[in-house]
Amino acid sequence: MRKPVWCIFSLLLLTAAAWPQNKSSAATEKAVAALEQQWLKAQQTSNPDLIKPLLADRFIETTSDGKTMGKAEALAGTKAAKYQSAEYGDVKVSVFGNTAIATGEFKGKGTDENGKPIASPERWTDTWVKMPNGKWQCVASHASLVKM
């Protein structure tokens, strides 16, 4: 049985609407990647003020050792951690409407908020949401140790 033309046309419209790459999403990818670089700068300088506006009030982080923390704890950890080196690699951003998923690799050397050596490298995933005020904020972050 042949499908009606309107059915095929509707399917094409839905596919085009769901296609992830357009000028708007390319600009968003670039903007979110820049926010990730600001986050890296905060880690490199132990400056939580650089990421405070980037994190949603209900932000939740899952660390590579499986602990979870909210915004206040994440900011305190940023201030307390001391890095001799910290860098991101393989940063990619995918946009889905008002949500963006950023992934990448973190390599760092230093001590965490408890004075323990930083375990590295890690793969991370950050979930960003465009808030009603038009600003992008991270709502969730997850890190996993990379086993070599």
C-alpha atoms as a PDB file:
ATOM      1  CA  MET A   1       0.000   0.000   0.000  1.00  0.00           C
ATOM      2  CA  ARG A   2       1.370   3.427  -0.898  1.00  0.00           C
ATOM      3  CA  LYS A   3       1.719   6.070   1.768  1.00  0.00           C
ATOM      4  CA  PRO A   4      -0.169   9.296   1.169  1.00  0.00           C
ATOM      5  CA  VAL A   5       2.018  12.156  -0.028  1.00  0.00           C
ATOM      6  CA  TRP A   6       1.158  14.259   3.048  1.00  0.00           C
ATOM      7  CA  CYS A   7       2.539  11.483   5.293  1.00  0.00           C
ATOM      8  CA  ILE A   8       5.890  11.462   3.498  1.00  0.00           C
ATOM      9  CA  PHE A   9       5.981  15.275   3.487  1.00  0.00           C
ATOM     10  CA  SER A  10       5.264  15.337   7.246  1.00  0.00           C
ATOM     11  CA  LEU A  11       8.052  12.851   7.874  1.00  0.00           C
ATOM     12  CA  LEU A  12      10.488  15.013   5.897  1.00  0.00           C
ATOM     13  CA  LEU A  13       9.480  18.105   7.882  1.00  0.00           C
ATOM     14  CA  LEU A  14       9.958  16.290  11.196  1.00  0.00           C
ATOM     15  CA  THR A  15      13.359  15.000  10.106  1.00  0.00           C
ATOM     16  CA  ALA A  16      14.471  18.476   9.054  1.00  0.00           C
ATOM     17  CA  ALA A  17      13.244  20.001  12.312  1.00  0.00           C
ATOM     18  CA  ALA A  18      15.173  17.422  14.339  1.00  0.00           C
ATOM     19  CA  TRP A  19      18.388  17.849  12.356  1.00  0.00           C
ATOM     20  CA  PRO A  20      20.942  19.021  14.961  1.00  0.00           C
ATOM     21  CA  GLN A  21      23.107  21.332  12.829  1.00  0.00           C
ATOM     22  CA  ASN A  22      22.041  24.784  11.718  1.00  0.00           C
ATOM     23  CA  LYS A  23      23.427  28.313  12.071  1.00  0.00           C
ATOM     24  CA  SER A  24      21.763  28.798  15.440  1.00  0.00           C
ATOM     25  CA  SER A  25      23.089  25.555  16.889  1.00  0.00           C
ATOM     26  CA  ALA A  26      26.595  26.250  15.517  1.00  0.00           C
ATOM     27  CA  ALA A  27      26.596  29.584  17.364  1.00  0.00           C
ATOM     28  CA  THR A  28      25.311  27.865  20.504  1.00  0.00           C
ATOM     29  CA  GLU A  29      27.996  25.187  20.245  1.00  0.00           C
ATOM     30  CA  LYS A  30      30.632  27.908  20.098  1.00  0.00           C
ATOM     31  CA  ALA A  31      29.089  29.815  23.032  1.00  0.00           C
ATOM     32  CA  VAL A  32      28.846  26.724  25.255  1.00  0.00           C
ATOM     33  CA  ALA A  33      32.416  25.699  24.337  1.00  0.00           C
ATOM     34  CA  ALA A  34      33.532  29.182  25.483  1.00  0.00           C
ATOM     35  CA  LEU A  35      31.694  28.680  28.793  1.00  0.00           C
ATOM     36  CA  GLU A  36      33.547  25.391  29.220  1.00  0.00           C
ATOM     37  CA  GLN A  37      36.835  27.252  28.696  1.00  0.00           C
ATOM     38  CA  GLN A  38      35.787  29.733  31.390  1.00  0.00           C
ATOM     39  CA  TRP A  39      35.156  26.755  33.680  1.00  0.00           C
ATOM     40  CA  LEU A  40      38.650  25.422  32.897  1.00  0.00           C
ATOM     41  CA  LYS A  41      40.143  28.838  33.725  1.00  0.00           C
ATOM     42  CA  ALA A  42      38.334  28.692  37.092  1.00  0.00           C
ATOM     43  CA  GLN A  43      39.972  25.320  37.778  1.00  0.00           C
ATOM     44  CA  GLN A  44      43.408  26.520  36.691  1.00  0.00           C
ATOM     45  CA  THR A  45      43.226  29.556  38.983  1.00  0.00           C
ATOM     46  CA  SER A  46      41.138  28.077  41.847  1.00  0.00           C
ATOM     47  CA  ASN A  47      38.666  30.911  41.243  1.00  0.00           C
ATOM     48  CA  PRO A  48      35.048  29.863  41.864  1.00  0.00           C
ATOM     49  CA  ASP A  49      33.789  33.340  40.931  1.00  0.00           C
ATOM     50  CA  LEU A  50      34.452  32.468  37.276  1.00  0.00           C
ATOM     51  CA  ILE A  51      31.995  29.562  37.329  1.00  0.00           C
ATOM     52  CA  LYS A  52      29.444  30.746  39.882  1.00  0.00           C
ATOM     53  CA  PRO A  53      27.240  32.411  37.226  1.00  0.00           C
ATOM     54  CA  LEU A  54      27.612  29.365  34.958  1.00  0.00           C
ATOM     55  CA  LEU A  55      26.049  26.912  37.411  1.00  0.00           C
ATOM     56  CA  ALA A  56      22.298  26.687  37.917  1.00  0.00           C
ATOM     57  CA  ASP A  57      21.082  27.035  41.499  1.00  0.00           C
ATOM     58  CA  ARG A  58      20.039  23.363  41.476  1.00  0.00           C
ATOM     59  CA  PHE A  59      23.276  22.211  39.767  1.00  0.00           C
ATOM     60  CA  ILE A  60      24.340  18.657  40.599  1.00  0.00           C
ATOM     61  CA  GLU A  61      27.797  17.216  40.030  1.00  0.00           C
ATOM     62  CA  THR A  62      28.753  13.552  40.079  1.00  0.00           C
ATOM     63  CA  THR A  63      32.483  13.197  40.623  1.00  0.00           C
ATOM     64  CA  SER A  64      34.726  10.484  39.195  1.00  0.00           C
ATOM     65  CA  ASP A  65      34.633   8.698  42.565  1.00  0.00           C
ATOM     66  CA  GLY A  66      30.816   8.608  42.526  1.00  0.00           C
ATOM     67  CA  LYS A  67      30.094  11.381  45.032  1.00  0.00           C
ATOM     68  CA  THR A  68      27.406  13.946  44.313  1.00  0.00           C
ATOM     69  CA  MET A  69      27.417  17.587  45.295  1.00  0.00           C
ATOM     70  CA  GLY A  70      25.441  20.730  44.700  1.00  0.00           C
ATOM     71  CA  LYS A  71      26.499  24.177  43.565  1.00  0.00           C
ATOM     72  CA  ALA A  72      27.894  25.380  46.910  1.00  0.00           C
ATOM     73  CA  GLU A  73      30.056  22.282  47.333  1.00  0.00           C
ATOM     74  CA  ALA A  74      31.285  22.471  43.741  1.00  0.00           C
ATOM     75  CA  LEU A  75      32.295  26.114  44.202  1.00  0.00           C
ATOM     76  CA  ALA A  76      34.076  25.318  47.484  1.00  0.00           C
ATOM     77  CA  GLY A  77      35.902  22.451  45.776  1.00  0.00           C
ATOM     78  CA  THR A  78      37.029  24.733  42.965  1.00  0.00           C
ATOM     79  CA  LYS A  79      38.448  27.197  45.475  1.00  0.00           C
ATOM     80  CA  ALA A  80      40.231  24.518  47.515  1.00  0.00           C
ATOM     81  CA  ALA A  81      41.714  22.482  44.627  1.00  0.00           C
ATOM     82  CA  LYS A  82      45.197  23.553  43.544  1.00  0.00           C
ATOM     83  CA  TYR A  83      46.422  22.696  40.055  1.00  0.00           C
ATOM     84  CA  GLN A  84      49.948  22.869  38.679  1.00  0.00           C
ATOM     85  CA  SER A  85      48.438  22.018  35.295  1.00  0.00           C
ATOM     86  CA  ALA A  86      44.909  21.577  33.953  1.00  0.00           C
ATOM     87  CA  GLU A  87      43.698  21.250  30.387  1.00  0.00           C
ATOM     88  CA  TYR A  88      40.743  20.093  28.335  1.00  0.00           C
ATOM     89  CA  GLY A  89      40.871  18.061  25.161  1.00  0.00           C
ATOM     90  CA  ASP A  90      38.414  16.673  22.642  1.00  0.00           C
ATOM     91  CA  VAL A  91      35.677  19.161  23.632  1.00  0.00           C
ATOM     92  CA  LYS A  92      32.463  18.622  21.680  1.00  0.00           C
ATOM     93  CA  VAL A  93      29.086  20.310  22.056  1.00  0.00           C
ATOM     94  CA  SER A  94      25.776  19.012  20.693  1.00  0.00           C
ATOM     95  CA  VAL A  95      22.675  21.188  20.784  1.00  0.00           C
ATOM     96  CA  PHE A  96      19.101  19.955  21.190  1.00  0.00           C
ATOM     97  CA  GLY A  97      16.822  22.997  21.297  1.00  0.00           C
ATOM     98  CA  ASN A  98      17.366  24.741  24.638  1.00  0.00           C
ATOM     99  CA  THR A  99      19.703  22.011  25.875  1.00  0.00           C
ATOM    100  CA  ALA A 100      23.351  21.461  25.034  1.00  0.00           C
ATOM    101  CA  ILE A 101      25.529  18.501  25.943  1.00  0.00           C
ATOM    102  CA  ALA A 102      29.260  19.181  26.212  1.00  0.00           C
ATOM    103  CA  THR A 103      31.794  16.371  26.480  1.00  0.00           C
ATOM    104  CA  GLY A 104      35.526  16.343  26.759  1.00  0.00           C
ATOM    105  CA  GLU A 105      38.642  15.084  28.432  1.00  0.00           C
ATOM    106  CA  PHE A 106      40.325  16.624  31.464  1.00  0.00           C
ATOM    107  CA  LYS A 107      43.980  16.189  32.312  1.00  0.00           C
ATOM    108  CA  GLY A 108      45.237  17.806  35.459  1.00  0.00           C
ATOM    109  CA  LYS A 109      47.950  17.629  38.047  1.00  0.00           C
ATOM    110  CA  GLY A 110      47.518  19.022  41.525  1.00  0.00           C
ATOM    111  CA  THR A 111      45.649  18.375  44.749  1.00  0.00           C
ATOM    112  CA  ASP A 112      41.933  18.279  45.466  1.00  0.00           C
ATOM    113  CA  GLU A 113      40.085  20.038  48.298  1.00  0.00           C
ATOM    114  CA  ASN A 114      41.261  17.299  50.707  1.00  0.00           C
ATOM    115  CA  GLY A 115      44.917  17.590  49.720  1.00  0.00           C
ATOM    116  CA  LYS A 116      44.836  14.303  47.770  1.00  0.00           C
ATOM    117  CA  PRO A 117      46.513  14.097  44.376  1.00  0.00           C
ATOM    118  CA  ILE A 118      44.141  14.773  41.477  1.00  0.00           C
ATOM    119  CA  ALA A 119      43.222  11.566  39.648  1.00  0.00           C
ATOM    120  CA  SER A 120      43.467  12.153  35.926  1.00  0.00           C
ATOM    121  CA  PRO A 121      42.648  11.777  33.050  1.00  0.00           C
ATOM    122  CA  GLU A 122      38.869  11.997  33.175  1.00  0.00           C
ATOM    123  CA  ARG A 123      36.084  12.133  30.616  1.00  0.00           C
ATOM    124  CA  TRP A 124      33.317  14.570  31.496  1.00  0.00           C
ATOM    125  CA  THR A 125      29.803  15.335  30.347  1.00  0.00           C
ATOM    126  CA  ASP A 126      28.075  18.626  31.158  1.00  0.00           C
ATOM    127  CA  THR A 127      24.402  19.352  30.530  1.00  0.00           C
ATOM    128  CA  TRP A 128      23.619  23.001  29.765  1.00  0.00           C
ATOM    129  CA  VAL A 129      20.155  24.581  29.600  1.00  0.00           C
ATOM    130  CA  LYS A 130      19.202  27.936  28.128  1.00  0.00           C
ATOM    131  CA  MET A 131      17.414  29.637  30.993  1.00  0.00           C
ATOM    132  CA  PRO A 132      14.364  31.922  30.638  1.00  0.00           C
ATOM    133  CA  ASN A 133      16.704  34.954  30.912  1.00  0.00           C
ATOM    134  CA  GLY A 134      18.525  33.721  27.773  1.00  0.00           C
ATOM    135  CA  LYS A 135      21.732  32.703  29.556  1.00  0.00           C
ATOM    136  CA  TRP A 136      23.177  29.208  29.389  1.00  0.00           C
ATOM    137  CA  GLN A 137      23.761  27.457  32.719  1.00  0.00           C
ATOM    138  CA  CYS A 138      25.117  24.039  33.547  1.00  0.00           C
ATOM    139  CA  VAL A 139      22.545  21.925  35.402  1.00  0.00           C
ATOM    140  CA  ALA A 140      24.527  18.685  35.689  1.00  0.00           C
ATOM    141  CA  SER A 141      28.110  17.511  35.378  1.00  0.00           C
ATOM    142  CA  HIS A 142      29.510  13.995  35.446  1.00  0.00           C
ATOM    143  CA  ALA A 143      33.118  12.783  35.377  1.00  0.00           C
ATOM    144  CA  SER A 144      34.559   9.302  34.880  1.00  0.00           C
ATOM    145  CA  LEU A 145      38.188   8.241  35.283  1.00  0.00           C
ATOM    146  CA  VAL A 146      39.824   7.029  32.089  1.00  0.00           C
ATOM    147  CA  LYS A 147      41.578   3.725  32.683  1.00  0.00           C
ATOM    148  CA  MET A 148      44.812   3.397  30.828  1.00  0.00           C
END
